[in-house]
C-alpha atoms as a PDB file:
ATOM      1  CA  UNK A   1     102.381  93.119 119.712  1.00  0.00           C
ATOM      2  CA  UNK A   2      99.182  94.685 121.040  1.00  0.00           C
ATOM      3  CA  UNK A   3      99.354  96.078 124.540  1.00  0.00           C
ATOM      4  CA  UNK A   4      97.173  94.762 127.353  1.00  0.00           C
ATOM      5  CA  UNK A   5      95.093  97.928 127.277  1.00  0.00           C
ATOM      6  CA  UNK A   6      94.403  97.517 123.543  1.00  0.00           C
ATOM      7  CA  UNK A   7      93.295  93.918 124.032  1.00  0.00           C
ATOM      8  CA  UNK A   8      91.000  94.881 126.905  1.00  0.00           C
ATOM      9  CA  UNK A   9      89.502  97.630 124.742  1.00  0.00           C
ATOM     10  CA  UNK A  10      88.792  95.096 121.974  1.00  0.00           C
ATOM     11  CA  UNK A  11      87.189  92.683 124.431  1.00  0.00           C
ATOM     12  CA  UNK A  12      84.936  95.447 125.748  1.00  0.00           C
ATOM     13  CA  UNK A  13      83.924  96.462 122.225  1.00  0.00           C
ATOM     14  CA  UNK A  14      83.054  92.876 121.278  1.00  0.00           C
ATOM     15  CA  UNK A  15      80.981  92.452 124.441  1.00  0.00           C
ATOM     16  CA  UNK A  16      79.005  95.608 123.608  1.00  0.00           C
ATOM     17  CA  UNK A  17      78.443  94.287 120.093  1.00  0.00           C
ATOM     18  CA  UNK A  18      77.208  91.022 121.587  1.00  0.00           C
ATOM     19  CA  UNK A  19      74.672  92.917 123.701  1.00  0.00           C
ATOM     20  CA  UNK A  20      73.364  94.645 120.558  1.00  0.00           C
ATOM     21  CA  UNK A  21      73.084  91.406 118.561  1.00  0.00           C
ATOM     22  CA  UNK A  22      71.281  89.677 121.423  1.00  0.00           C
ATOM     23  CA  UNK A  23      68.812  92.557 121.680  1.00  0.00           C
ATOM     24  CA  UNK A  24      68.204  92.507 117.918  1.00  0.00           C
ATOM     25  CA  UNK A  25      67.697  88.740 118.081  1.00  0.00           C
ATOM     26  CA  UNK A  26      64.983  89.164 120.706  1.00  0.00           C
ATOM     27  CA  UNK A  27      63.300  91.967 118.742  1.00  0.00           C
ATOM     28  CA  UNK A  28      63.328  89.839 115.576  1.00  0.00           C
ATOM     29  CA  UNK A  29      61.892  86.883 117.523  1.00  0.00           C
ATOM     30  CA  UNK A  30      59.032  89.030 118.845  1.00  0.00           C
ATOM     31  CA  UNK A  31      58.230  90.423 115.391  1.00  0.00           C
ATOM     32  CA  UNK A  32      58.504  86.966 113.883  1.00  0.00           C
ATOM     33  CA  UNK A  33      55.757  85.624 116.147  1.00  0.00           C
ATOM     34  CA  UNK A  34      53.349  88.346 115.027  1.00  0.00           C
ATOM     35  CA  UNK A  35      54.192  88.034 111.318  1.00  0.00           C
ATOM     36  CA  UNK A  36      54.035  84.238 111.406  1.00  0.00           C
ATOM     37  CA  UNK A  37      50.638  84.326 113.117  1.00  0.00           C
ATOM     38  CA  UNK A  38      49.276  86.598 110.347  1.00  0.00           C
ATOM     39  CA  UNK A  39      50.765  84.371 107.655  1.00  0.00           C
ATOM     40  CA  UNK A  40      49.333  81.177 109.165  1.00  0.00           C
ATOM     41  CA  UNK A  41      45.958  82.849 109.627  1.00  0.00           C
ATOM     42  CA  UNK A  42      45.861  83.892 105.958  1.00  0.00           C
ATOM     43  CA  UNK A  43      46.919  80.490 104.572  1.00  0.00           C
ATOM     44  CA  UNK A  44      43.502  78.735 104.923  1.00  0.00           C
ATOM     45  CA  UNK A  45      41.773  81.624 103.146  1.00  0.00           C
ATOM     46  CA  UNK A  46      44.321  81.656 100.300  1.00  0.00           C
ATOM     47  CA  UNK A  47      44.133  77.864  99.924  1.00  0.00           C
ATOM     48  CA  UNK A  48      40.321  77.815  99.773  1.00  0.00           C
ATOM     49  CA  UNK A  49      40.300  80.774  97.384  1.00  0.00           C
ATOM     50  CA  UNK A  50      42.634  78.923  95.001  1.00  0.00           C
ATOM     51  CA  UNK A  51      40.531  75.783  95.307  1.00  0.00           C
ATOM     52  CA  UNK A  52      37.322  77.600  94.382  1.00  0.00           C
ATOM     53  CA  UNK A  53      39.029  79.420  91.505  1.00  0.00           C
ATOM     54  CA  UNK A  54      40.432  76.173  90.118  1.00  0.00           C
ATOM     55  CA  UNK A  55      37.014  74.530  90.345  1.00  0.00           C
ATOM     56  CA  UNK A  56      35.352  77.383  88.444  1.00  0.00           C
ATOM     57  CA  UNK A  57      38.072  77.524  85.789  1.00  0.00           C
ATOM     58  CA  UNK A  58      37.687  73.806  85.081  1.00  0.00           C
ATOM     59  CA  UNK A  59      34.018  74.300  84.069  1.00  0.00           C
ATOM     60  CA  UNK A  60      34.383  77.074  81.478  1.00  0.00           C
ATOM     61  CA  UNK A  61      36.480  78.054  78.474  1.00  0.00           C
ATOM     62  CA  UNK A  62      39.742  79.893  79.252  1.00  0.00           C
ATOM     63  CA  UNK A  63      39.037  82.710  76.769  1.00  0.00           C
ATOM     64  CA  UNK A  64      36.129  84.052  78.808  1.00  0.00           C
ATOM     65  CA  UNK A  65      38.361  86.730  80.358  1.00  0.00           C
ATOM     66  CA  UNK A  66      41.537  88.484  79.071  1.00  0.00           C
ATOM     67  CA  UNK A  67      43.357  87.730  82.346  1.00  0.00           C
ATOM     68  CA  UNK A  68      43.183  84.022  81.492  1.00  0.00           C
ATOM     69  CA  UNK A  69      44.420  84.301  77.888  1.00  0.00           C
ATOM     70  CA  UNK A  70      48.141  84.082  77.177  1.00  0.00           C
ATOM     71  CA  UNK A  71      49.483  86.587  74.660  1.00  0.00           C
ATOM     72  CA  UNK A  72      51.335  85.136  71.709  1.00  0.00           C
ATOM     73  CA  UNK A  73      54.061  87.783  71.380  1.00  0.00           C
ATOM     74  CA  UNK A  74      55.872  88.657  74.610  1.00  0.00           C
ATOM     75  CA  UNK A  75      57.803  91.915  74.315  1.00  0.00           C
ATOM     76  CA  UNK A  76      57.379  93.584  77.716  1.00  0.00           C
ATOM     77  CA  UNK A  77      57.262  92.121  81.229  1.00  0.00           C
ATOM     78  CA  UNK A  78      56.608  93.550  84.668  1.00  0.00           C
ATOM     79  CA  UNK A  79      58.288  92.206  87.804  1.00  0.00           C
ATOM     80  CA  UNK A  80      57.072  92.811  91.353  1.00  0.00           C
ATOM     81  CA  UNK A  81      60.235  92.349  93.410  1.00  0.00           C
ATOM     82  CA  UNK A  82      60.320  92.066  97.209  1.00  0.00           C
ATOM     83  CA  UNK A  83      63.212  92.825  99.568  1.00  0.00           C
ATOM     84  CA  UNK A  84      63.439  94.190 103.105  1.00  0.00           C
ATOM     85  CA  UNK A  85      63.737  97.817 104.201  1.00  0.00           C
ATOM     86  CA  UNK A  86      66.587  97.087 106.625  1.00  0.00           C
ATOM     87  CA  UNK A  87      69.708  94.983 106.539  1.00  0.00           C
ATOM     88  CA  UNK A  88      71.417  92.748 109.110  1.00  0.00           C
ATOM     89  CA  UNK A  89      69.474  89.691 107.933  1.00  0.00           C
ATOM     90  CA  UNK A  90      72.226  87.579 106.439  1.00  0.00           C
ATOM     91  CA  UNK A  91      71.931  86.615 102.778  1.00  0.00           C
ATOM     92  CA  UNK A  92      68.172  87.247 102.686  1.00  0.00           C
ATOM     93  CA  UNK A  93      68.282  90.324 100.432  1.00  0.00           C
ATOM     94  CA  UNK A  94      71.273  89.085  98.453  1.00  0.00           C
ATOM     95  CA  UNK A  95      69.459  85.916  97.399  1.00  0.00           C
ATOM     96  CA  UNK A  96      66.362  87.849  96.303  1.00  0.00           C
ATOM     97  CA  UNK A  97      68.371  90.485  94.423  1.00  0.00           C
ATOM     98  CA  UNK A  98      70.581  87.914  92.693  1.00  0.00           C
ATOM     99  CA  UNK A  99      67.546  85.919  91.572  1.00  0.00           C
ATOM    100  CA  UNK A 100      65.792  89.039  90.289  1.00  0.00           C
ATOM    101  CA  UNK A 101      68.852  90.394  88.487  1.00  0.00           C
ATOM    102  CA  UNK A 102      69.566  87.030  86.838  1.00  0.00           C
ATOM    103  CA  UNK A 103      65.944  86.667  85.711  1.00  0.00           C
ATOM    104  CA  UNK A 104      65.868  90.205  84.268  1.00  0.00           C
ATOM    105  CA  UNK A 105      69.144  89.665  82.410  1.00  0.00           C
ATOM    106  CA  UNK A 106      67.812  86.382  80.991  1.00  0.00           C
ATOM    107  CA  UNK A 107      64.716  88.183  79.704  1.00  0.00           C
ATOM    108  CA  UNK A 108      66.810  90.971  78.188  1.00  0.00           C
ATOM    109  CA  UNK A 109      68.922  88.328  76.486  1.00  0.00           C
ATOM    110  CA  UNK A 110      65.720  87.132  74.767  1.00  0.00           C
ATOM    111  CA  UNK A 111      64.950  90.671  73.625  1.00  0.00           C
ATOM    112  CA  UNK A 112      62.179  91.216  76.177  1.00  0.00           C
ATOM    113  CA  UNK A 113      61.900  94.516  78.031  1.00  0.00           C
ATOM    114  CA  UNK A 114      61.411  94.250  81.802  1.00  0.00           C
ATOM    115  CA  UNK A 115      59.959  96.891  84.123  1.00  0.00           C
ATOM    116  CA  UNK A 116      60.367  96.721  87.882  1.00  0.00           C
ATOM    117  CA  UNK A 117      58.079  97.462  90.790  1.00  0.00           C
ATOM    118  CA  UNK A 118      60.089  97.174  94.002  1.00  0.00           C
ATOM    119  CA  UNK A 119      58.885  96.613  97.546  1.00  0.00           C
ATOM    120  CA  UNK A 120      61.606  97.339 100.097  1.00  0.00           C
ATOM    121  CA  UNK A 121      64.414  99.865 100.337  1.00  0.00           C
ATOM    122  CA  UNK A 122      67.226  97.391  99.640  1.00  0.00           C
ATOM    123  CA  UNK A 123      65.882  96.339  96.260  1.00  0.00           C
ATOM    124  CA  UNK A 124      65.013  99.912  95.264  1.00  0.00           C
ATOM    125  CA  UNK A 125      68.521 101.159  96.065  1.00  0.00           C
ATOM    126  CA  UNK A 126      70.260  98.248  94.335  1.00  0.00           C
ATOM    127  CA  UNK A 127      68.307  98.287  91.083  1.00  0.00           C
ATOM    128  CA  UNK A 128      68.053 102.087  91.009  1.00  0.00           C
ATOM    129  CA  UNK A 129      71.827 102.566  91.175  1.00  0.00           C
ATOM    130  CA  UNK A 130      72.326 100.131  88.289  1.00  0.00           C
ATOM    131  CA  UNK A 131      69.959 101.775  85.867  1.00  0.00           C
ATOM    132  CA  UNK A 132      67.091  99.270  85.859  1.00  0.00           C
ATOM    133  CA  UNK A 133      63.678 100.499  84.702  1.00  0.00           C
ATOM    134  CA  UNK A 134      61.751 101.021  87.964  1.00  0.00           C
ATOM    135  CA  UNK A 135      58.109 102.040  87.522  1.00  0.00           C
ATOM    136  CA  UNK A 136      56.968 102.115  91.165  1.00  0.00           C
ATOM    137  CA  UNK A 137      58.697 101.712  94.505  1.00  0.00           C
ATOM    138  CA  UNK A 138      57.201 101.051  97.945  1.00  0.00           C
ATOM    139  CA  UNK A 139      59.209 101.356 101.154  1.00  0.00           C
ATOM    140  CA  UNK A 140      58.297 101.000 104.836  1.00  0.00           C
ATOM    141  CA  UNK A 141      54.962  99.344 104.011  1.00  0.00           C
ATOM    142  CA  UNK A 142      55.460  95.978 105.754  1.00  0.00           C
ATOM    143  CA  UNK A 143      52.989  95.498 108.564  1.00  0.00           C
ATOM    144  CA  UNK A 144      50.767  98.433 107.582  1.00  0.00           C
ATOM    145  CA  UNK A 145      49.282  97.272 104.276  1.00  0.00           C
ATOM    146  CA  UNK A 146      45.530  96.808 103.902  1.00  0.00           C
ATOM    147  CA  UNK A 147      43.277  95.426 101.189  1.00  0.00           C
ATOM    148  CA  UNK A 148      42.693  98.862  99.636  1.00  0.00           C
ATOM    149  CA  UNK A 149      46.454  99.269  99.148  1.00  0.00           C
ATOM    150  CA  UNK A 150      46.707  95.769  97.652  1.00  0.00           C
ATOM    151  CA  UNK A 151      43.666  96.427  95.457  1.00  0.00           C
ATOM    152  CA  UNK A 152      45.259  99.562  94.008  1.00  0.00           C
ATOM    153  CA  UNK A 153      48.521  97.714  93.334  1.00  0.00           C
ATOM    154  CA  UNK A 154      46.716  94.826  91.627  1.00  0.00           C
ATOM    155  CA  UNK A 155      44.552  97.254  89.634  1.00  0.00           C
ATOM    156  CA  UNK A 156      47.670  99.002  88.356  1.00  0.00           C
ATOM    157  CA  UNK A 157      49.077  95.746  86.987  1.00  0.00           C
ATOM    158  CA  UNK A 158      45.707  94.733  85.479  1.00  0.00           C
ATOM    159  CA  UNK A 159      45.194  98.118  83.803  1.00  0.00           C
ATOM    160  CA  UNK A 160      48.661  98.065  82.225  1.00  0.00           C
ATOM    161  CA  UNK A 161      48.091  94.483  81.069  1.00  0.00           C
ATOM    162  CA  UNK A 162      44.669  95.261  79.572  1.00  0.00           C
ATOM    163  CA  UNK A 163      46.137  98.330  77.815  1.00  0.00           C
ATOM    164  CA  UNK A 164      48.859  96.108  76.250  1.00  0.00           C
ATOM    165  CA  UNK A 165      51.616  98.054  77.993  1.00  0.00           C
ATOM    166  CA  UNK A 166      52.902  94.770  79.462  1.00  0.00           C
ATOM    167  CA  UNK A 167      52.378  91.196  78.315  1.00  0.00           C
ATOM    168  CA  UNK A 168      53.048  89.276  81.551  1.00  0.00           C
ATOM    169  CA  UNK A 169      53.492  90.065  85.238  1.00  0.00           C
ATOM    170  CA  UNK A 170      55.766  88.084  87.556  1.00  0.00           C
ATOM    171  CA  UNK A 171      56.578  88.303  91.251  1.00  0.00           C
ATOM    172  CA  UNK A 172      59.724  87.376  93.214  1.00  0.00           C
ATOM    173  CA  UNK A 173      59.521  87.019  96.988  1.00  0.00           C
ATOM    174  CA  UNK A 174      60.920  84.823  99.748  1.00  0.00           C
ATOM    175  CA  UNK A 175      58.699  81.903 100.738  1.00  0.00           C
ATOM    176  CA  UNK A 176      58.873  80.897 104.401  1.00  0.00           C
ATOM    177  CA  UNK A 177      59.596  77.170 104.576  1.00  0.00           C
ATOM    178  CA  UNK A 178      60.952  76.901 108.123  1.00  0.00           C
ATOM    179  CA  UNK A 179      63.001  78.856 110.624  1.00  0.00           C
ATOM    180  CA  UNK A 180      66.181  77.662 108.911  1.00  0.00           C
ATOM    181  CA  UNK A 181      65.003  77.906 105.310  1.00  0.00           C
ATOM    182  CA  UNK A 182      63.555  80.795 103.325  1.00  0.00           C
ATOM    183  CA  UNK A 183      63.340  80.164  99.600  1.00  0.00           C
ATOM    184  CA  UNK A 184      63.291  82.879  96.878  1.00  0.00           C
ATOM    185  CA  UNK A 185      60.281  82.110  94.671  1.00  0.00           C
ATOM    186  CA  UNK A 186      59.210  83.240  91.198  1.00  0.00           C
ATOM    187  CA  UNK A 187      55.437  83.337  90.571  1.00  0.00           C
ATOM    188  CA  UNK A 188      53.472  84.411  87.494  1.00  0.00           C
ATOM    189  CA  UNK A 189      50.702  86.839  88.406  1.00  0.00           C
ATOM    190  CA  UNK A 190      49.229  87.694  85.004  1.00  0.00           C
ATOM    191  CA  UNK A 191      47.892  85.980  82.957  1.00  0.00           C
ATOM    192  CA  UNK A 192      46.282  84.011  85.746  1.00  0.00           C
ATOM    193  CA  UNK A 193      46.995  80.301  85.738  1.00  0.00           C
ATOM    194  CA  UNK A 194      44.303  78.726  87.958  1.00  0.00           C
ATOM    195  CA  UNK A 195      45.534  75.849  90.124  1.00  0.00           C
ATOM    196  CA  UNK A 196      44.674  72.460  88.690  1.00  0.00           C
ATOM    197  CA  UNK A 197      43.077  69.676  90.688  1.00  0.00           C
ATOM    198  CA  UNK A 198      45.257  66.763  91.748  1.00  0.00           C
ATOM    199  CA  UNK A 199      44.965  63.817  89.368  1.00  0.00           C
ATOM    200  CA  UNK A 200      45.663  61.228  92.016  1.00  0.00           C
ATOM    201  CA  UNK A 201      42.558  62.080  94.027  1.00  0.00           C
ATOM    202  CA  UNK A 202      40.150  60.365  91.632  1.00  0.00           C
ATOM    203  CA  UNK A 203      37.342  61.761  89.532  1.00  0.00           C
ATOM    204  CA  UNK A 204      34.680  61.893  92.256  1.00  0.00           C
ATOM    205  CA  UNK A 205      36.775  63.492  95.009  1.00  0.00           C
ATOM    206  CA  UNK A 206      36.744  67.219  93.971  1.00  0.00           C
ATOM    207  CA  UNK A 207      33.916  69.150  95.587  1.00  0.00           C
ATOM    208  CA  UNK A 208      31.212  70.431  93.263  1.00  0.00           C
ATOM    209  CA  UNK A 209      30.205  73.994  94.156  1.00  0.00           C
ATOM    210  CA  UNK A 210      26.742  75.441  93.536  1.00  0.00           C
ATOM    211  CA  UNK A 211      27.324  78.948  92.202  1.00  0.00           C
ATOM    212  CA  UNK A 212      25.116  81.994  92.376  1.00  0.00           C
ATOM    213  CA  UNK A 213      25.483  83.816  90.026  1.00  0.00           C
ATOM    214  CA  UNK A 214      26.684  81.475  87.250  1.00  0.00           C
ATOM    215  CA  UNK A 215      30.337  80.279  87.164  1.00  0.00           C
ATOM    216  CA  UNK A 216      31.310  82.692  84.363  1.00  0.00           C
ATOM    217  CA  UNK A 217      30.222  85.806  86.254  1.00  0.00           C
ATOM    218  CA  UNK A 218      31.708  84.537  89.490  1.00  0.00           C
ATOM    219  CA  UNK A 219      35.060  83.765  87.870  1.00  0.00           C
ATOM    220  CA  UNK A 220      35.207  87.205  86.273  1.00  0.00           C
ATOM    221  CA  UNK A 221      34.583  88.717  89.720  1.00  0.00           C
ATOM    222  CA  UNK A 222      37.172  86.541  91.463  1.00  0.00           C
ATOM    223  CA  UNK A 223      40.077  86.864  89.009  1.00  0.00           C
ATOM    224  CA  UNK A 224      41.229  90.369  90.112  1.00  0.00           C
ATOM    225  CA  UNK A 225      40.782  89.339  93.739  1.00  0.00           C
ATOM    226  CA  UNK A 226      42.926  86.267  93.112  1.00  0.00           C
ATOM    227  CA  UNK A 227      45.806  88.537  92.026  1.00  0.00           C
ATOM    228  CA  UNK A 228      45.380  90.580  95.204  1.00  0.00           C
ATOM    229  CA  UNK A 229      45.371  87.424  97.343  1.00  0.00           C
ATOM    230  CA  UNK A 230      48.684  86.331  95.823  1.00  0.00           C
ATOM    231  CA  UNK A 231      50.228  89.746  96.494  1.00  0.00           C
ATOM    232  CA  UNK A 232      49.033  89.705 100.119  1.00  0.00           C
ATOM    233  CA  UNK A 233      50.463  86.218 100.520  1.00  0.00           C
ATOM    234  CA  UNK A 234      53.802  87.432  99.117  1.00  0.00           C
ATOM    235  CA  UNK A 235      53.873  90.335 101.612  1.00  0.00           C
ATOM    236  CA  UNK A 236      53.202  88.020 104.566  1.00  0.00           C
ATOM    237  CA  UNK A 237      55.620  85.325 103.407  1.00  0.00           C
ATOM    238  CA  UNK A 238      58.406  87.825 102.732  1.00  0.00           C
ATOM    239  CA  UNK A 239      57.947  89.653 106.036  1.00  0.00           C
ATOM    240  CA  UNK A 240      58.021  86.403 108.003  1.00  0.00           C
ATOM    241  CA  UNK A 241      61.087  85.218 106.097  1.00  0.00           C
ATOM    242  CA  UNK A 242      62.862  88.508 106.787  1.00  0.00           C
ATOM    243  CA  UNK A 243      62.378  88.263 110.559  1.00  0.00           C
ATOM    244  CA  UNK A 244      63.420  84.599 110.570  1.00  0.00           C
ATOM    245  CA  UNK A 245      66.561  85.408 108.573  1.00  0.00           C
ATOM    246  CA  UNK A 246      67.444  88.341 110.849  1.00  0.00           C
ATOM    247  CA  UNK A 247      66.877  86.227 113.947  1.00  0.00           C
ATOM    248  CA  UNK A 248      69.237  83.535 112.602  1.00  0.00           C
ATOM    249  CA  UNK A 249      71.820  86.129 111.529  1.00  0.00           C
ATOM    250  CA  UNK A 250      71.844  87.830 114.937  1.00  0.00           C
ATOM    251  CA  UNK A 251      72.083  84.452 116.674  1.00  0.00           C
ATOM    252  CA  UNK A 252      75.129  83.586 114.560  1.00  0.00           C
ATOM    253  CA  UNK A 253      76.615  87.013 115.260  1.00  0.00           C
ATOM    254  CA  UNK A 254      76.201  86.497 119.007  1.00  0.00           C
ATOM    255  CA  UNK A 255      77.930  83.115 118.772  1.00  0.00           C
ATOM    256  CA  UNK A 256      80.765  84.682 116.789  1.00  0.00           C
ATOM    257  CA  UNK A 257      81.121  87.375 119.457  1.00  0.00           C
ATOM    258  CA  UNK A 258      81.407  84.684 122.139  1.00  0.00           C
ATOM    259  CA  UNK A 259      84.169  82.940 120.187  1.00  0.00           C
ATOM    260  CA  UNK A 260      85.960  86.235 119.585  1.00  0.00           C
ATOM    261  CA  UNK A 261      85.809  87.103 123.294  1.00  0.00           C
ATOM    262  CA  UNK A 262      87.288  83.708 124.160  1.00  0.00           C
ATOM    263  CA  UNK A 263      90.106  84.143 121.640  1.00  0.00           C
ATOM    264  CA  UNK A 264      90.880  87.691 122.784  1.00  0.00           C
ATOM    265  CA  UNK A 265      90.818  86.568 126.421  1.00  0.00           C
ATOM    266  CA  UNK A 266      93.344  83.863 125.578  1.00  0.00           C
ATOM    267  CA  UNK A 267      95.536  86.421 123.802  1.00  0.00           C
ATOM    268  CA  UNK A 268      95.222  88.762 126.780  1.00  0.00           C
ATOM    269  CA  UNK A 269      96.233  86.047 129.236  1.00  0.00           C
ATOM    270  CA  UNK A 270      99.256  85.123 127.120  1.00  0.00           C
ATOM    271  CA  UNK A 271     100.312  88.764 126.809  1.00  0.00           C
ATOM    272  CA  UNK A 272      99.836  89.313 130.540  1.00  0.00           C
ATOM    273  CA  UNK A 273     101.829  86.197 131.339  1.00  0.00           C
ATOM    274  CA  UNK A 274     104.606  87.349 129.017  1.00  0.00           C
ATOM    275  CA  UNK A 275     104.642  90.787 130.660  1.00  0.00           C
ATOM    276  CA  UNK A 276     104.848  89.239 134.143  1.00  0.00           C
ATOM    277  CA  UNK A 277     107.638  86.912 133.024  1.00  0.00           C
ATOM    278  CA  UNK A 278     109.572  89.862 131.580  1.00  0.00           C
ATOM    279  CA  UNK A 279     109.232  91.798 134.833  1.00  0.00           C
ATOM    280  CA  UNK A 280     110.411  88.802 136.856  1.00  0.00           C
ATOM    281  CA  UNK A 281     113.405  88.409 134.571  1.00  0.00           C
ATOM    282  CA  UNK A 282     114.267  92.079 135.101  1.00  0.00           C
ATOM    283  CA  UNK A 283     114.026  91.662 138.894  1.00  0.00           C
ATOM    284  CA  UNK A 284     116.119  88.523 138.900  1.00  0.00           C
ATOM    285  CA  UNK A 285     118.665  90.129 136.570  1.00  0.00           C
ATOM    286  CA  UNK A 286     118.900  93.204 138.810  1.00  0.00           C
ATOM    287  CA  UNK A 287     119.342  91.063 141.932  1.00  0.00           C
ATOM    288  CA  UNK A 288     122.127  89.063 140.273  1.00  0.00           C
ATOM    289  CA  UNK A 289     123.833  92.276 139.229  1.00  0.00           C
ATOM    290  CA  UNK A 290     123.806  93.589 142.816  1.00  0.00           C
ATOM    291  CA  UNK A 291     125.640  90.471 143.958  1.00  0.00           C
END
């Protein structure tokens, strides 16, 4: 049976762990507010961009640009995979990695080669140790990305697609649904599939845009930017989801520490009571022997 000193040492260690988890919870909450504000500020722009793109695509033929044309034979794919750079965020990275690994294995089962571009240290380490084909890897870039960085990333995918090095480009990231729910999401980046207008809104409801220059030139100009907008959205969604997941994980860890302290305190009290009882029995036994 553990001694009283051992139990007290365990209680002290758990209390120190609880202080750390509480501090990490507060840090995650502060970072979450900033990331969520950026994500919510970008949403109206992304929504309007998709609306304009869908309106333009509905007016012209899809073969006007190679980024709109689907290739018949699919032999090579590219996957942009997002994870976090740090752990202690529950099953956040595990869900993303499991989804990515399953999707890659499914594609390999169809005889399709898959090349990875990872964002985040956790995904890079996991897929790198298991021999996956990683083309590019970006770490410690959350919160510091700008449009030039996104433009270069999007241009790399477009150039490889136009050179027939890859036939399709996909993206896996965590979509922020709520504080309690972050959903791993698979999105096709290239070829671009413009959002379609809702059928239930009626024929006269969609807005008709006056374009200058003509819709064909404007669509050709907007298509690469549309890919960049989706990548920016994935960065913001994934970063917000990471902080929300870490905040929930640290909150659960703090609650577990409280329960563990209560259990250890109960064990300590029982052990202390048993020790006192044993000492009293020794005193009583010694007094009886003196009689």
